[in-house]
């Protein structure tokens, strides 16, 4: 067996964020609030990422907005299509 460290994939990292979002949703009982907080956190972190990668963020702001917006739109589209093909199964409430 190799001593090489296994690289964590973006999907494994995303699953960790989703697990935390699920915990917070259970605690808050408000998926919309958690979704909004997650989008805000992503926007805040992406702005930080852009600032680290840019020599002149003010000049490159519009390009960053377009790039990040296109990335998010493509990812959201893929996941919406997945949910259309595989709807979330909810448990039926017990009869009273």
Protein backbone atom coordinates (compact mmCIF):
# COMPACT_ATOMS: atom_id res chain seq x y z
CA UNK A 1 0.00 0.00 0.00
CA UNK A 2 1.25 3.45 -0.88
CA UNK A 3 2.15 6.03 1.73
CA UNK A 4 0.72 8.72 -0.53
CA UNK A 5 -1.97 10.76 1.17
CA UNK A 6 -5.44 10.35 -0.31
CA UNK A 7 -6.60 13.66 -1.74
CA UNK A 8 -10.03 14.76 -0.56
CA UNK A 9 -12.37 15.38 -3.48
CA UNK A 10 -14.61 18.41 -3.83
CA UNK A 11 -17.57 16.06 -3.43
CA UNK A 12 -16.29 14.75 -0.08
CA UNK A 13 -15.77 18.31 1.14
CA UNK A 14 -19.22 19.32 -0.14
CA UNK A 15 -20.73 16.35 1.73
CA UNK A 16 -19.23 17.72 4.96
CA UNK A 17 -20.89 21.11 4.36
CA UNK A 18 -24.19 19.37 3.54
CA UNK A 19 -23.97 17.28 6.73
CA UNK A 20 -23.53 20.47 8.77
CA UNK A 21 -26.41 22.15 6.89
CA UNK A 22 -28.61 19.14 7.66
CA UNK A 23 -27.68 19.35 11.37
CA UNK A 24 -28.46 23.07 11.43
CA UNK A 25 -31.75 22.49 9.60
CA UNK A 26 -32.78 19.91 12.20
CA UNK A 27 -31.86 22.34 14.98
CA UNK A 28 -33.42 25.47 13.43
CA UNK A 29 -36.38 23.71 11.78
CA UNK A 30 -36.00 26.17 8.89
CA UNK A 31 -34.44 24.90 5.65
CA UNK A 32 -34.83 28.35 4.04
CA UNK A 33 -32.87 30.07 6.80
CA UNK A 34 -30.07 27.50 6.57
CA UNK A 35 -30.05 27.68 2.75
CA UNK A 36 -29.78 31.47 2.86
CA UNK A 37 -26.95 31.28 5.40
CA UNK A 38 -25.14 28.71 3.26
CA UNK A 39 -25.45 30.91 0.14
CA UNK A 40 -24.19 33.91 2.11
CA UNK A 41 -21.25 31.89 3.42
CA UNK A 42 -20.43 30.70 -0.11
CA UNK A 43 -20.59 34.28 -1.43
CA UNK A 44 -18.39 35.53 1.39
CA UNK A 45 -15.83 32.77 0.92
CA UNK A 46 -15.85 33.14 -2.89
CA UNK A 47 -15.20 36.89 -2.55
CA UNK A 48 -12.25 36.00 -0.30
CA UNK A 49 -11.04 33.43 -2.87
CA UNK A 50 -11.32 36.00 -5.68
CA UNK A 51 -9.40 38.56 -3.63
CA UNK A 52 -6.53 36.11 -3.16
CA UNK A 53 -6.39 35.25 -6.86
CA UNK A 54 -6.63 38.80 -8.19
CA UNK A 55 -3.96 41.44 -8.54
CA UNK A 56 -6.68 44.10 -8.95
CA UNK A 57 -10.05 42.92 -7.64
CA UNK A 58 -11.72 46.22 -8.44
CA UNK A 59 -10.82 45.86 -12.12
CA UNK A 60 -11.61 42.13 -12.19
CA UNK A 61 -14.85 42.25 -10.15
CA UNK A 62 -17.19 41.90 -13.14
CA UNK A 63 -15.23 38.93 -14.49
CA UNK A 64 -15.31 37.29 -11.04
CA UNK A 65 -19.07 37.85 -10.77
CA UNK A 66 -19.62 36.30 -14.19
CA UNK A 67 -17.32 33.32 -13.55
CA UNK A 68 -18.67 32.48 -10.08
CA UNK A 69 -22.27 33.07 -11.25
CA UNK A 70 -21.82 30.72 -14.21
CA UNK A 71 -20.19 28.08 -12.01
CA UNK A 72 -23.05 28.23 -9.48
CA UNK A 73 -25.72 28.17 -12.18
CA UNK A 74 -24.20 25.06 -13.81
CA UNK A 75 -23.90 23.26 -10.46
CA UNK A 76 -27.44 24.20 -9.44
CA UNK A 77 -28.80 23.06 -12.81
CA UNK A 78 -27.11 19.66 -12.47
CA UNK A 79 -28.46 19.19 -8.95
CA UNK A 80 -31.98 20.32 -9.85
CA UNK A 81 -31.99 17.79 -12.71
CA UNK A 82 -30.83 15.11 -10.27
CA UNK A 83 -33.71 15.95 -7.89
CA UNK A 84 -36.18 15.84 -10.78
CA UNK A 85 -34.95 12.35 -11.71
CA UNK A 86 -34.66 11.24 -8.07
CA UNK A 87 -37.25 13.06 -5.93
CA UNK A 88 -36.66 13.23 -2.21
CA UNK A 89 -38.62 10.48 -0.50
CA UNK A 90 -40.41 11.72 2.59
CA UNK A 91 -41.80 9.45 5.23
CA UNK A 92 -45.56 9.41 5.52
CA UNK A 93 -46.86 10.78 8.78
CA UNK A 94 -48.30 8.15 11.13
CA UNK A 95 -52.08 7.82 11.12
CA UNK A 96 -53.86 9.38 14.06
